Amino acid sequence: MLKNIANFNLIKLIPDTFLGNNGHYHKFIIIAEQRTGSSMLRVVLGEHPNILTFDELLLPKRITFNKPGYDNYSKALLIYRNLFPRKFIENIVFPNYSSEIQAVGFKVFPIHLRNRFLAPLGDWLDEHKEIKVIHLTRENYLASYASLVLALETGKFGIKDAAERPNVCVELSYEDCLRTFNARRRDDINVARRFRHHSFYKLTYEQLTTNFEEQIRHIQAFLGVTSQPLEMSGIKKEIRPLCEVIQNYDELKESFSMTEWKTFFE
């Protein structure tokens, strides 16, 4: 069994439409916390005819390619990734592609890089300085945290129609907010430090949504691909102000009023 798994790269897992002899494309990752717009950015870049983007390849229990022709639920491939993470990234994620492909990337959460079982994959990213890094953050940690709690409570991480927008509120504790704020700042600092020797492009969710066309042009230039007009896809799940989303907003605002995090409250 292990011998078969070790030779798993010989099994045809990549759709013929992508395969070729081109090994000179640009490789990149989008590293971001949850609820910072990373899925939207991945989908938008994936609409470019010369960019191939994968979703979350480092989830503990499955590999989410979210790309037609790839199996998101292959148990054998999951075992292969966990046993041979370097082979996985070299032979499954970054093999030779067709000449049309100019850039290939996938999405990473900082917590994934702390998974001790996948440490060799994180080491591979550290060693390969040619990997371009798009670091997407959100200026307002409170907004991303409230969005995450709401998604977990409703079971909806994305919507396809405005009518699906949730009309419920969440209650957040001061302690959980404080812990989250500190953790996210720590992750932001650690990501910048860890990939400081890579080509590094940092932007925020606020910059991306406010100046979408300009940011997308900059990102395409950063990735070294032919510039194409790309459109923001999907339906924004939440349009309410935070004071309507968070049930105890006023209480939290008062609690954080004398702290460095007071700017998160409108």
Protein backbone atom coordinates (compact mmCIF):
# COMPACT_ATOMS: atom_id res chain seq x y z
CA MET A 1 0.00 0.00 0.00
CA LEU A 2 2.73 2.47 0.97
CA LYS A 3 4.65 1.64 -2.19
CA ASN A 4 1.58 2.42 -4.27
CA ILE A 5 1.03 5.65 -2.38
CA ALA A 6 4.68 6.65 -2.82
CA ASN A 7 4.28 6.34 -6.59
CA PHE A 8 0.97 8.21 -6.52
CA ASN A 9 2.42 10.98 -8.68
CA LEU A 10 2.37 8.51 -11.59
CA ILE A 11 -1.39 8.21 -11.42
CA LYS A 12 -3.22 10.60 -13.69
CA LEU A 13 -4.83 13.16 -11.44
CA ILE A 14 -4.48 16.34 -13.47
CA PRO A 15 -6.95 17.03 -16.30
CA ASP A 16 -5.44 16.76 -19.79
CA THR A 17 -6.54 20.30 -20.56
CA PHE A 18 -3.97 21.66 -18.07
CA LEU A 19 -1.00 19.34 -18.67
CA GLY A 20 1.95 20.20 -20.87
CA ASN A 21 5.69 20.82 -20.93
CA ASN A 22 5.66 24.32 -19.44
CA GLY A 23 7.54 24.54 -16.16
CA HIS A 24 8.34 28.24 -16.36
CA TYR A 25 5.09 29.70 -15.07
CA HIS A 26 4.89 31.86 -11.93
CA LYS A 27 3.96 30.12 -8.67
CA PHE A 28 2.11 31.93 -5.88
CA ILE A 29 0.07 31.57 -2.72
CA ILE A 30 -2.70 33.73 -1.29
CA ILE A 31 -2.23 33.71 2.47
CA ALA A 32 -5.06 35.15 4.54
CA GLU A 33 -7.20 34.67 7.60
CA GLN A 34 -10.79 33.50 7.23
CA ARG A 35 -13.36 36.09 6.15
CA THR A 36 -10.89 38.50 4.58
CA GLY A 37 -11.96 38.13 0.94
CA SER A 38 -9.50 35.39 -0.02
CA SER A 39 -12.15 33.22 -1.70
CA MET A 40 -13.37 36.15 -3.75
CA LEU A 41 -9.82 37.02 -4.81
CA ARG A 42 -9.06 33.39 -5.72
CA VAL A 43 -12.19 33.11 -7.86
CA VAL A 44 -11.54 36.43 -9.61
CA LEU A 45 -7.95 35.50 -10.47
CA GLY A 46 -9.16 32.09 -11.61
CA GLU A 47 -11.28 33.81 -14.28
CA HIS A 48 -8.06 34.93 -15.97
CA PRO A 49 -7.45 32.60 -18.95
CA ASN A 50 -3.76 32.25 -18.05
CA ILE A 51 -4.05 31.77 -14.26
CA LEU A 52 -4.85 28.49 -12.51
CA THR A 53 -6.02 28.89 -8.92
CA PHE A 54 -6.79 26.21 -6.35
CA ASP A 55 -8.68 26.63 -3.10
CA GLU A 56 -7.63 25.23 0.31
CA LEU A 57 -5.18 22.39 -0.29
CA LEU A 58 -4.04 22.09 3.33
CA LEU A 59 -7.28 21.30 5.17
CA PRO A 60 -6.75 18.52 7.75
CA LYS A 61 -9.41 16.12 6.40
CA ARG A 62 -9.63 16.89 2.69
CA ILE A 63 -8.01 18.71 -0.20
CA THR A 64 -10.28 21.36 -1.66
CA PHE A 65 -9.11 22.03 -5.20
CA ASN A 66 -12.46 23.55 -6.26
CA LYS A 67 -11.40 23.16 -9.87
CA PRO A 68 -13.25 21.05 -12.47
CA GLY A 69 -11.51 17.75 -13.10
CA TYR A 70 -9.89 17.52 -9.64
CA ASP A 71 -11.15 15.26 -6.86
CA ASN A 72 -11.81 17.13 -3.60
CA TYR A 73 -12.53 13.94 -1.65
CA SER A 74 -9.83 11.45 -2.71
CA LYS A 75 -8.74 9.57 0.42
CA ALA A 76 -5.67 8.16 -1.34
CA LEU A 77 -4.56 11.64 -2.38
CA LEU A 78 -5.08 12.91 1.18
CA ILE A 79 -2.84 10.13 2.51
CA TYR A 80 -0.29 10.91 -0.19
CA ARG A 81 -0.27 14.61 0.76
CA ASN A 82 0.17 13.84 4.44
CA LEU A 83 2.93 11.28 3.90
CA PHE A 84 4.77 13.05 1.09
CA PRO A 85 3.88 16.77 1.25
CA ARG A 86 6.85 17.82 -0.89
CA LYS A 87 5.94 15.33 -3.62
CA PHE A 88 2.35 16.52 -3.42
CA ILE A 89 3.17 20.15 -4.01
CA GLU A 90 5.77 19.44 -6.70
CA ASN A 91 3.87 16.76 -8.64
CA ILE A 92 0.22 17.64 -8.07
CA VAL A 93 0.13 21.39 -7.48
CA PHE A 94 3.14 22.63 -9.45
CA PRO A 95 3.85 20.11 -12.26
CA ASN A 96 4.42 21.09 -15.89
CA TYR A 97 1.35 22.72 -17.38
CA SER A 98 0.24 23.76 -20.85
CA SER A 99 1.88 26.78 -22.47
CA GLU A 100 -1.23 28.90 -21.85
CA ILE A 101 -0.73 28.77 -18.09
CA GLN A 102 1.30 31.76 -16.88
CA ALA A 103 0.66 31.50 -13.11
CA VAL A 104 -0.54 28.84 -10.66
CA GLY A 105 -1.44 29.39 -7.02
CA PHE A 106 -3.52 28.29 -4.07
CA LYS A 107 -4.98 29.64 -0.85
CA VAL A 108 -3.40 29.19 2.59
CA PHE A 109 -4.54 30.12 6.09
CA PRO A 110 -1.76 30.87 8.63
CA ILE A 111 -3.15 28.13 10.87
CA HIS A 112 -2.47 25.59 8.10
CA LEU A 113 1.23 26.40 8.19
CA ARG A 114 1.25 25.58 11.91
CA ASN A 115 -0.04 22.06 11.29
CA ARG A 116 2.85 19.86 12.46
CA PHE A 117 1.91 17.09 10.01
CA LEU A 118 2.33 19.49 7.09
CA ALA A 119 5.45 21.24 8.40
CA PRO A 120 7.54 19.92 5.45
CA LEU A 121 5.17 21.66 3.05
CA GLY A 122 5.61 24.93 4.94
CA ASP A 123 9.37 24.35 4.84
CA TRP A 124 9.14 23.84 1.08
CA LEU A 125 7.42 27.21 0.70
CA ASP A 126 10.10 28.83 2.86
CA GLU A 127 12.90 27.33 0.77
CA HIS A 128 11.45 28.18 -2.63
CA LYS A 129 11.94 31.93 -2.79
CA GLU A 130 10.48 32.01 -6.30
CA ILE A 131 7.03 31.50 -4.78
CA LYS A 132 5.21 34.83 -4.90
CA VAL A 133 3.14 35.68 -1.82
CA ILE A 134 -0.08 37.68 -1.81
CA HIS A 135 -0.83 38.56 1.80
CA LEU A 136 -4.48 39.56 2.16
CA THR A 137 -5.54 41.00 5.50
CA ARG A 138 -8.51 42.94 6.82
CA GLU A 139 -7.96 46.24 8.58
CA ASN A 140 -10.94 45.70 10.86
CA TYR A 141 -10.35 42.46 12.76
CA LEU A 142 -13.74 42.86 14.43
CA ALA A 143 -15.54 42.76 11.08
CA SER A 144 -13.80 39.57 9.97
CA TYR A 145 -14.31 37.90 13.36
CA ALA A 146 -18.03 38.78 13.45
CA SER A 147 -18.37 37.48 9.90
CA LEU A 148 -16.70 34.21 10.88
CA VAL A 149 -18.91 33.68 13.94
CA LEU A 150 -22.00 34.48 11.88
CA ALA A 151 -20.94 32.02 9.17
CA LEU A 152 -20.32 29.28 11.74
CA GLU A 153 -23.67 29.85 13.44
CA THR A 154 -25.70 29.99 10.21
CA GLY A 155 -23.68 27.41 8.28
CA LYS A 156 -23.40 29.84 5.37
CA PHE A 157 -19.94 30.93 4.29
CA GLY A 158 -21.13 32.28 0.97
CA ILE A 159 -24.38 33.07 -0.81
CA LYS A 160 -25.53 33.04 -4.42
CA ASP A 161 -28.44 35.45 -4.08
CA ALA A 162 -29.08 38.59 -2.05
CA ALA A 163 -32.22 36.97 -0.66
CA GLU A 164 -29.98 34.51 1.21
CA ARG A 165 -28.38 37.22 3.32
CA PRO A 166 -28.73 36.34 7.02
CA ASN A 167 -30.92 38.47 9.21
CA VAL A 168 -29.58 37.27 12.54
CA CYS A 169 -27.23 38.81 15.08
CA VAL A 170 -24.30 37.37 16.98
CA GLU A 171 -23.11 38.04 20.50
CA LEU A 172 -19.35 38.27 21.02
CA SER A 173 -17.50 38.19 24.30
CA TYR A 174 -14.84 40.72 25.16
CA GLU A 175 -12.35 37.94 25.93
CA ASP A 176 -12.88 36.15 22.60
CA CYS A 177 -12.58 39.41 20.69
CA LEU A 178 -9.38 40.37 22.48
CA ARG A 179 -7.88 36.92 21.93
CA THR A 180 -8.80 37.06 18.24
CA PHE A 181 -7.43 40.59 17.74
CA ASN A 182 -4.08 39.66 19.27
CA ALA A 183 -3.86 36.38 17.36
CA ARG A 184 -4.61 38.02 14.02
CA ARG A 185 -2.07 40.76 14.55
CA ARG A 186 0.48 38.13 15.54
CA ASP A 187 -0.28 36.15 12.38
CA ASP A 188 0.05 39.27 10.21
CA ILE A 189 3.46 40.02 11.69
CA ASN A 190 4.63 36.41 11.41
CA VAL A 191 3.56 36.06 7.79
CA ALA A 192 5.43 39.22 6.81
CA ARG A 193 8.51 38.01 8.66
CA ARG A 194 8.36 34.46 7.35
CA PHE A 195 8.11 35.45 3.69
CA ARG A 196 10.24 38.59 3.80
CA HIS A 197 12.66 37.13 1.23
CA HIS A 198 9.89 36.29 -1.25
CA SER A 199 8.24 38.59 -3.76
CA PHE A 200 5.56 39.91 -1.43
CA TYR A 201 2.36 41.81 -2.20
CA LYS A 202 0.32 42.98 0.75
CA LEU A 203 -3.18 44.37 0.46
CA THR A 204 -6.26 44.63 2.61
CA TYR A 205 -9.83 43.61 2.04
CA GLU A 206 -10.75 47.27 2.30
CA GLN A 207 -8.29 48.25 -0.45
CA LEU A 208 -9.46 45.41 -2.66
CA THR A 209 -13.15 46.22 -2.39
CA THR A 210 -12.71 49.99 -2.58
CA ASN A 211 -10.26 50.08 -5.51
CA PHE A 212 -10.98 46.72 -7.10
CA GLU A 213 -9.95 47.38 -10.71
CA GLU A 214 -6.71 49.10 -9.72
CA GLN A 215 -5.75 46.38 -7.24
CA ILE A 216 -6.50 43.59 -9.72
CA ARG A 217 -4.25 45.29 -12.30
CA HIS A 218 -1.47 45.54 -9.73
CA ILE A 219 -1.87 41.88 -8.73
CA GLN A 220 -1.73 40.71 -12.35
CA ALA A 221 1.46 42.70 -12.85
CA PHE A 222 2.86 41.22 -9.64
CA LEU A 223 2.09 37.70 -10.87
CA GLY A 224 3.71 38.42 -14.24
CA VAL A 225 0.66 37.60 -16.35
CA THR A 226 -0.87 39.39 -19.32
CA SER A 227 -3.28 42.01 -18.00
CA GLN A 228 -6.96 41.19 -18.45
CA PRO A 229 -10.11 43.02 -17.28
CA LEU A 230 -11.56 40.93 -14.44
CA GLU A 231 -14.82 41.48 -12.61
CA MET A 232 -15.67 41.03 -8.95
CA SER A 233 -17.76 37.91 -8.65
CA GLY A 234 -20.23 36.65 -6.11
CA ILE A 235 -22.74 38.34 -3.83
CA LYS A 236 -21.55 40.20 -0.75
CA LYS A 237 -22.97 38.24 2.14
CA GLU A 238 -23.16 41.04 4.70
CA ILE A 239 -24.06 44.67 4.03
CA ARG A 240 -25.30 45.66 7.49
CA PRO A 241 -23.14 47.89 9.70
CA LEU A 242 -21.42 46.09 12.57
CA CYS A 243 -23.72 47.70 15.12
CA GLU A 244 -26.61 45.74 13.54
CA VAL A 245 -24.70 42.48 13.21
CA ILE A 246 -23.28 42.35 16.75
CA GLN A 247 -26.00 42.16 19.40
CA ASN A 248 -23.84 43.57 22.21
CA TYR A 249 -22.02 46.08 20.01
CA ASP A 250 -22.43 49.06 22.35
CA GLU A 251 -21.17 47.06 25.31
CA LEU A 252 -18.07 45.94 23.37
CA LYS A 253 -17.48 49.44 22.08
CA GLU A 254 -17.41 50.75 25.62
CA SER A 255 -15.13 47.93 26.80
CA PHE A 256 -12.60 48.62 24.04
CA SER A 257 -12.91 52.42 24.16
CA MET A 258 -9.63 52.88 26.04
CA THR A 259 -7.66 50.25 24.11
CA GLU A 260 -5.67 50.19 20.88
CA TRP A 261 -8.56 48.32 19.25
CA LYS A 262 -11.13 51.12 19.61
CA THR A 263 -10.83 52.02 15.90
CA PHE A 264 -12.60 48.76 14.99
CA PHE A 265 -15.86 50.25 16.26
CA GLU A 266 -17.69 52.61 13.94
